[in-house]
Amino acid sequence: MNKITKICILITFSLLFISLSLCIMILFNASDDLTAKIYQNGELLYSINLDEIDEPYEIVITGEQGESNTISLRPGEIGITHANCPDKLCVNAGYIHNKLLPITCLPNHIIIQIEQSTNVNDSGDEVDGLAY
């Protein structure tokens, strides 16, 4: 192998390692105070702290035209388990337990997203997107 090939391989493996490390940090970030926010037609219907759920329960949301979605909540996660929309993509999304991807039911105008409660850092040295 010549020197250029070795350098390209080293750079490739370095980038792969960095990308894998970032993915692991994002996916396994142990964050407390996750709040599920349930919206219909852009209006916030429910804000539920997923860490405070002890027993599973369900919420049924009914729309203007009689459409309905059954939302199931379990400790640390939320999902749509029944919907009368034709494609059932929201049901097939399963349960979510982090803020990476929301669940949407476009025919019934429902969005479920998880947000991490913000803890105010009194020291003011918290890094944000504008710092970079």
N, C-alpha and C. Protein backbone atom coordinates (compact mmCIF):
# COMPACT_ATOMS: atom_id res chain seq x y z
N MET A 1 0.83 -1.18 0.00
CA MET A 1 0.00 0.00 0.00
C MET A 1 0.88 1.25 0.00
N ASN A 2 0.46 2.20 -0.76
CA ASN A 2 1.22 3.44 -0.76
C ASN A 2 0.73 4.35 0.37
N LYS A 3 1.42 5.43 0.57
CA LYS A 3 1.17 6.34 1.69
C LYS A 3 -0.21 7.00 1.60
N ILE A 4 -0.66 7.36 0.42
CA ILE A 4 -1.96 8.02 0.23
C ILE A 4 -3.09 7.07 0.59
N THR A 5 -2.96 5.81 0.21
CA THR A 5 -3.99 4.82 0.54
C THR A 5 -4.09 4.64 2.05
N LYS A 6 -2.97 4.57 2.74
CA LYS A 6 -2.97 4.42 4.20
C LYS A 6 -3.63 5.63 4.87
N ILE A 7 -3.34 6.82 4.37
CA ILE A 7 -3.94 8.03 4.94
C ILE A 7 -5.45 8.03 4.72
N CYS A 8 -5.90 7.64 3.53
CA CYS A 8 -7.35 7.58 3.24
C CYS A 8 -8.04 6.58 4.15
N ILE A 9 -7.42 5.42 4.37
CA ILE A 9 -8.01 4.41 5.25
C ILE A 9 -8.08 4.94 6.68
N LEU A 10 -7.03 5.59 7.15
CA LEU A 10 -7.01 6.16 8.49
C LEU A 10 -8.09 7.22 8.67
N ILE A 11 -8.24 8.09 7.69
CA ILE A 11 -9.28 9.13 7.76
C ILE A 11 -10.66 8.50 7.75
N THR A 12 -10.88 7.50 6.92
CA THR A 12 -12.18 6.83 6.84
C THR A 12 -12.54 6.19 8.18
N PHE A 13 -11.60 5.45 8.76
CA PHE A 13 -11.88 4.81 10.05
C PHE A 13 -12.06 5.83 11.16
N SER A 14 -11.33 6.93 11.11
CA SER A 14 -11.50 7.98 12.11
C SER A 14 -12.90 8.59 12.03
N LEU A 15 -13.34 8.90 10.82
CA LEU A 15 -14.68 9.46 10.64
C LEU A 15 -15.77 8.46 11.06
N LEU A 16 -15.55 7.21 10.75
CA LEU A 16 -16.49 6.16 11.15
C LEU A 16 -16.58 6.06 12.67
N PHE A 17 -15.43 6.10 13.33
CA PHE A 17 -15.40 6.04 14.79
C PHE A 17 -16.11 7.24 15.41
N ILE A 18 -15.84 8.42 14.89
CA ILE A 18 -16.48 9.64 15.42
C ILE A 18 -17.99 9.58 15.21
N SER A 19 -18.43 9.17 14.03
CA SER A 19 -19.87 9.07 13.75
C SER A 19 -20.55 8.06 14.65
N LEU A 20 -19.92 6.91 14.84
CA LEU A 20 -20.48 5.88 15.71
C LEU A 20 -20.56 6.37 17.15
N SER A 21 -19.54 7.06 17.59
CA SER A 21 -19.53 7.60 18.96
C SER A 21 -20.66 8.60 19.16
N LEU A 22 -20.87 9.47 18.19
CA LEU A 22 -21.95 10.45 18.29
C LEU A 22 -23.32 9.78 18.31
N CYS A 23 -23.50 8.76 17.47
CA CYS A 23 -24.77 8.03 17.45
C CYS A 23 -25.05 7.37 18.78
N ILE A 24 -24.04 6.77 19.36
CA ILE A 24 -24.21 6.11 20.66
C ILE A 24 -24.55 7.14 21.73
N MET A 25 -23.87 8.29 21.70
CA MET A 25 -24.16 9.32 22.69
C MET A 25 -25.59 9.83 22.56
N ILE A 26 -26.07 9.99 21.34
CA ILE A 26 -27.42 10.49 21.14
C ILE A 26 -28.46 9.46 21.54
N LEU A 27 -28.28 8.22 21.11
CA LEU A 27 -29.28 7.19 21.37
C LEU A 27 -29.34 6.76 22.82
N PHE A 28 -28.21 6.73 23.50
CA PHE A 28 -28.19 6.24 24.86
C PHE A 28 -28.02 7.33 25.89
N ASN A 29 -28.34 8.55 25.50
CA ASN A 29 -28.26 9.66 26.43
C ASN A 29 -29.33 9.48 27.49
N ALA A 30 -28.92 9.20 28.70
CA ALA A 30 -29.87 9.00 29.79
C ALA A 30 -30.40 10.35 30.24
N SER A 31 -31.56 10.70 29.77
CA SER A 31 -32.12 11.99 30.12
C SER A 31 -33.39 11.79 30.94
N ASP A 32 -33.48 12.54 32.00
CA ASP A 32 -34.64 12.47 32.86
C ASP A 32 -35.65 13.54 32.44
N ASP A 33 -36.81 13.47 33.03
CA ASP A 33 -37.86 14.45 32.81
C ASP A 33 -38.26 14.57 31.34
N LEU A 34 -38.56 13.43 30.72
CA LEU A 34 -39.06 13.45 29.35
C LEU A 34 -40.56 13.70 29.39
N THR A 35 -40.99 14.68 28.62
CA THR A 35 -42.40 15.06 28.58
C THR A 35 -42.96 14.80 27.20
N ALA A 36 -44.04 14.03 27.14
CA ALA A 36 -44.72 13.78 25.87
C ALA A 36 -45.75 14.88 25.67
N LYS A 37 -45.72 15.50 24.51
CA LYS A 37 -46.69 16.54 24.17
C LYS A 37 -47.54 16.02 23.02
N ILE A 38 -48.85 16.05 23.23
CA ILE A 38 -49.80 15.55 22.25
C ILE A 38 -50.56 16.74 21.68
N TYR A 39 -50.45 16.90 20.35
CA TYR A 39 -51.10 18.01 19.67
C TYR A 39 -52.15 17.47 18.70
N GLN A 40 -53.23 18.23 18.56
CA GLN A 40 -54.20 17.96 17.50
C GLN A 40 -54.55 19.29 16.87
N ASN A 41 -54.43 19.35 15.54
CA ASN A 41 -54.66 20.58 14.78
C ASN A 41 -53.80 21.73 15.31
N GLY A 42 -52.58 21.41 15.75
CA GLY A 42 -51.66 22.43 16.24
C GLY A 42 -51.92 22.88 17.66
N GLU A 43 -52.94 22.37 18.30
CA GLU A 43 -53.28 22.76 19.67
C GLU A 43 -52.78 21.70 20.65
N LEU A 44 -52.09 22.14 21.69
CA LEU A 44 -51.58 21.21 22.70
C LEU A 44 -52.74 20.68 23.53
N LEU A 45 -52.94 19.36 23.48
CA LEU A 45 -54.01 18.73 24.25
C LEU A 45 -53.50 18.21 25.60
N TYR A 46 -52.35 17.55 25.58
CA TYR A 46 -51.80 16.94 26.79
C TYR A 46 -50.30 17.17 26.85
N SER A 47 -49.81 17.33 28.04
CA SER A 47 -48.38 17.38 28.32
C SER A 47 -48.16 16.44 29.50
N ILE A 48 -47.50 15.29 29.24
CA ILE A 48 -47.42 14.23 30.22
C ILE A 48 -45.95 13.88 30.48
N ASN A 49 -45.55 13.92 31.75
CA ASN A 49 -44.20 13.53 32.12
C ASN A 49 -44.13 12.00 32.10
N LEU A 50 -43.35 11.44 31.20
CA LEU A 50 -43.28 10.00 31.03
C LEU A 50 -42.59 9.30 32.20
N ASP A 51 -41.76 10.03 32.93
CA ASP A 51 -41.07 9.44 34.07
C ASP A 51 -41.98 9.29 35.29
N GLU A 52 -43.13 9.94 35.27
CA GLU A 52 -44.05 9.85 36.40
C GLU A 52 -45.14 8.81 36.21
N ILE A 53 -45.12 8.09 35.09
CA ILE A 53 -46.13 7.06 34.83
C ILE A 53 -45.73 5.79 35.56
N ASP A 54 -46.63 5.31 36.42
CA ASP A 54 -46.37 4.07 37.15
C ASP A 54 -47.10 2.90 36.51
N GLU A 55 -48.31 3.12 36.07
CA GLU A 55 -49.14 2.09 35.47
C GLU A 55 -49.53 2.50 34.05
N PRO A 56 -49.54 1.55 33.11
CA PRO A 56 -49.96 1.89 31.74
C PRO A 56 -51.42 2.36 31.71
N TYR A 57 -51.69 3.32 30.83
CA TYR A 57 -53.07 3.76 30.61
C TYR A 57 -53.21 4.28 29.19
N GLU A 58 -54.45 4.53 28.79
CA GLU A 58 -54.74 4.96 27.42
C GLU A 58 -55.54 6.26 27.43
N ILE A 59 -55.36 7.00 26.34
CA ILE A 59 -56.13 8.22 26.09
C ILE A 59 -56.73 8.06 24.70
N VAL A 60 -58.02 8.36 24.56
CA VAL A 60 -58.67 8.34 23.25
C VAL A 60 -58.92 9.77 22.82
N ILE A 61 -58.44 10.10 21.63
CA ILE A 61 -58.64 11.45 21.08
C ILE A 61 -59.57 11.32 19.89
N THR A 62 -60.64 12.09 19.92
CA THR A 62 -61.63 12.07 18.85
C THR A 62 -61.57 13.39 18.09
N GLY A 63 -61.65 13.29 16.78
CA GLY A 63 -61.58 14.48 15.93
C GLY A 63 -62.95 15.00 15.54
N GLU A 64 -62.95 16.03 14.71
CA GLU A 64 -64.19 16.69 14.29
C GLU A 64 -65.08 15.80 13.43
N GLN A 65 -64.47 14.94 12.62
CA GLN A 65 -65.23 14.10 11.70
C GLN A 65 -65.49 12.70 12.27
N GLY A 66 -65.25 12.51 13.57
CA GLY A 66 -65.46 11.21 14.19
C GLY A 66 -64.25 10.30 14.17
N GLU A 67 -63.13 10.79 13.61
CA GLU A 67 -61.92 9.98 13.62
C GLU A 67 -61.41 9.85 15.06
N SER A 68 -60.71 8.74 15.34
CA SER A 68 -60.22 8.55 16.70
C SER A 68 -58.85 7.89 16.69
N ASN A 69 -58.09 8.19 17.72
CA ASN A 69 -56.79 7.58 17.96
C ASN A 69 -56.73 7.16 19.42
N THR A 70 -56.22 5.97 19.67
CA THR A 70 -55.98 5.51 21.03
C THR A 70 -54.49 5.61 21.28
N ILE A 71 -54.14 6.41 22.28
CA ILE A 71 -52.75 6.63 22.63
C ILE A 71 -52.47 5.88 23.92
N SER A 72 -51.47 5.01 23.88
CA SER A 72 -51.11 4.22 25.06
C SER A 72 -49.84 4.79 25.68
N LEU A 73 -49.90 4.92 27.00
CA LEU A 73 -48.75 5.43 27.74
C LEU A 73 -48.28 4.34 28.70
N ARG A 74 -46.98 4.10 28.69
CA ARG A 74 -46.35 3.16 29.60
C ARG A 74 -45.19 3.90 30.27
N PRO A 75 -44.67 3.37 31.35
CA PRO A 75 -43.55 4.07 32.00
C PRO A 75 -42.40 4.32 31.02
N GLY A 76 -42.14 5.60 30.76
CA GLY A 76 -41.03 6.00 29.90
C GLY A 76 -41.29 6.00 28.42
N GLU A 77 -42.50 5.65 27.96
CA GLU A 77 -42.75 5.62 26.52
C GLU A 77 -44.23 5.85 26.19
N ILE A 78 -44.46 6.19 24.92
CA ILE A 78 -45.80 6.51 24.45
C ILE A 78 -45.94 6.04 23.00
N GLY A 79 -47.14 5.65 22.62
CA GLY A 79 -47.38 5.22 21.25
C GLY A 79 -48.86 5.24 20.92
N ILE A 80 -49.16 5.23 19.63
CA ILE A 80 -50.55 5.13 19.17
C ILE A 80 -50.81 3.65 18.88
N THR A 81 -51.79 3.09 19.56
CA THR A 81 -52.07 1.65 19.41
C THR A 81 -53.30 1.37 18.55
N HIS A 82 -54.12 2.38 18.32
CA HIS A 82 -55.27 2.19 17.44
C HIS A 82 -55.60 3.51 16.77
N ALA A 83 -55.92 3.43 15.48
CA ALA A 83 -56.33 4.63 14.74
C ALA A 83 -57.28 4.18 13.63
N ASN A 84 -58.26 5.01 13.33
CA ASN A 84 -59.17 4.65 12.25
C ASN A 84 -58.77 5.30 10.92
N CYS A 85 -57.53 5.77 10.82
CA CYS A 85 -57.04 6.30 9.55
C CYS A 85 -56.72 5.12 8.62
N PRO A 86 -56.72 5.35 7.31
CA PRO A 86 -56.56 4.23 6.38
C PRO A 86 -55.17 3.61 6.34
N ASP A 87 -54.10 4.38 6.53
CA ASP A 87 -52.76 3.82 6.35
C ASP A 87 -52.13 3.23 7.61
N LYS A 88 -52.56 3.63 8.77
CA LYS A 88 -52.08 3.13 10.07
C LYS A 88 -50.57 3.31 10.26
N LEU A 89 -49.97 4.29 9.61
CA LEU A 89 -48.54 4.54 9.80
C LEU A 89 -48.22 4.93 11.24
N CYS A 90 -49.14 5.65 11.87
CA CYS A 90 -48.92 6.07 13.25
C CYS A 90 -48.89 4.87 14.19
N VAL A 91 -49.72 3.88 13.93
CA VAL A 91 -49.75 2.67 14.76
C VAL A 91 -48.48 1.86 14.52
N ASN A 92 -48.06 1.78 13.27
CA ASN A 92 -46.86 1.02 12.93
C ASN A 92 -45.57 1.67 13.43
N ALA A 93 -45.63 2.94 13.83
CA ALA A 93 -44.45 3.61 14.37
C ALA A 93 -44.05 3.03 15.71
N GLY A 94 -44.96 2.37 16.39
CA GLY A 94 -44.64 1.77 17.68
C GLY A 94 -44.55 2.80 18.79
N TYR A 95 -43.86 2.42 19.83
CA TYR A 95 -43.68 3.30 20.98
C TYR A 95 -42.39 4.11 20.81
N ILE A 96 -42.42 5.34 21.30
CA ILE A 96 -41.22 6.16 21.31
C ILE A 96 -40.86 6.46 22.75
N HIS A 97 -39.57 6.62 22.99
CA HIS A 97 -39.09 6.89 24.34
C HIS A 97 -37.97 7.92 24.37
N ASN A 98 -37.75 8.58 23.23
CA ASN A 98 -36.77 9.67 23.19
C ASN A 98 -37.28 10.72 22.22
N LYS A 99 -36.53 11.80 22.11
CA LYS A 99 -36.99 12.93 21.31
C LYS A 99 -36.52 12.92 19.87
N LEU A 100 -35.99 11.79 19.40
CA LEU A 100 -35.45 11.75 18.04
C LEU A 100 -36.53 11.86 16.96
N LEU A 101 -37.59 11.07 17.06
CA LEU A 101 -38.64 11.08 16.04
C LEU A 101 -40.02 11.20 16.69
N PRO A 102 -40.84 12.08 16.18
CA PRO A 102 -42.21 12.16 16.69
C PRO A 102 -43.10 11.11 16.02
N ILE A 103 -44.28 10.92 16.57
CA ILE A 103 -45.31 10.09 15.92
C ILE A 103 -46.33 11.05 15.35
N THR A 104 -46.69 10.86 14.09
CA THR A 104 -47.69 11.71 13.47
C THR A 104 -48.79 10.87 12.85
N CYS A 105 -49.99 11.35 12.96
CA CYS A 105 -51.13 10.77 12.26
C CYS A 105 -51.70 11.91 11.43
N LEU A 106 -51.28 11.99 10.19
CA LEU A 106 -51.69 13.11 9.34
C LEU A 106 -53.18 13.13 9.06
N PRO A 107 -53.82 11.97 8.77
CA PRO A 107 -55.26 12.04 8.51
C PRO A 107 -56.07 12.56 9.70
N ASN A 108 -55.62 12.26 10.92
CA ASN A 108 -56.35 12.70 12.11
C ASN A 108 -55.72 13.92 12.77
N HIS A 109 -54.69 14.49 12.14
CA HIS A 109 -54.07 15.74 12.58
C HIS A 109 -53.50 15.65 14.00
N ILE A 110 -52.84 14.53 14.32
CA ILE A 110 -52.26 14.34 15.65
C ILE A 110 -50.75 14.22 15.53
N ILE A 111 -50.05 14.91 16.43
CA ILE A 111 -48.60 14.83 16.53
C ILE A 111 -48.25 14.56 17.98
N ILE A 112 -47.38 13.57 18.20
CA ILE A 112 -46.87 13.28 19.53
C ILE A 112 -45.36 13.45 19.47
N GLN A 113 -44.84 14.32 20.30
CA GLN A 113 -43.40 14.48 20.35
C GLN A 113 -42.94 14.52 21.80
N ILE A 114 -41.74 14.06 22.00
CA ILE A 114 -41.16 14.02 23.34
C ILE A 114 -40.15 15.14 23.45
N GLU A 115 -40.23 15.85 24.55
CA GLU A 115 -39.28 16.93 24.82
C GLU A 115 -38.65 16.68 26.17
N GLN A 116 -37.42 17.10 26.29
CA GLN A 116 -36.74 16.99 27.57
C GLN A 116 -36.98 18.27 28.34
N SER A 117 -37.40 18.12 29.58
CA SER A 117 -37.63 19.30 30.41
C SER A 117 -36.32 20.03 30.58
N THR A 118 -36.39 21.33 30.49
CA THR A 118 -35.17 22.13 30.60
C THR A 118 -34.91 22.44 32.06
N ASN A 119 -33.70 22.16 32.46
CA ASN A 119 -33.25 22.54 33.79
C ASN A 119 -32.40 23.79 33.63
N VAL A 120 -32.77 24.83 34.31
CA VAL A 120 -32.05 26.09 34.18
C VAL A 120 -30.70 25.95 34.85
N ASN A 121 -29.65 26.26 34.10
CA ASN A 121 -28.30 26.19 34.62
C ASN A 121 -27.96 27.57 35.15
N ASP A 122 -27.87 27.70 36.47
CA ASP A 122 -27.67 29.01 37.08
C ASP A 122 -26.30 29.60 36.77
N SER A 123 -25.31 28.76 36.45
CA SER A 123 -23.98 29.28 36.21
C SER A 123 -23.88 29.97 34.85
N GLY A 124 -24.80 29.65 33.93
CA GLY A 124 -24.79 30.30 32.63
C GLY A 124 -23.74 29.77 31.68
N ASP A 125 -23.08 28.66 32.02
CA ASP A 125 -22.02 28.15 31.15
C ASP A 125 -22.46 26.95 30.33
N GLU A 126 -23.75 26.81 30.13
CA GLU A 126 -24.26 25.70 29.35
C GLU A 126 -24.00 25.95 27.86
N VAL A 127 -23.58 24.93 27.16
CA VAL A 127 -23.28 25.04 25.74
C VAL A 127 -24.57 24.93 24.95
N ASP A 128 -24.73 25.79 23.98
CA ASP A 128 -25.90 25.73 23.12
C ASP A 128 -25.44 25.77 21.66
N GLY A 129 -26.40 25.72 20.75
CA GLY A 129 -26.08 25.70 19.34
C GLY A 129 -25.41 26.97 18.85
N LEU A 130 -25.65 28.06 19.53
CA LEU A 130 -25.05 29.33 19.10
C LEU A 130 -23.60 29.45 19.53
N ALA A 131 -23.15 28.61 20.44
CA ALA A 131 -21.78 28.70 20.92
C ALA A 131 -20.79 28.27 19.87
N TYR A 132 -21.26 27.49 18.89
CA TYR A 132 -20.36 27.00 17.87
C TYR A 132 -20.53 27.84 16.65
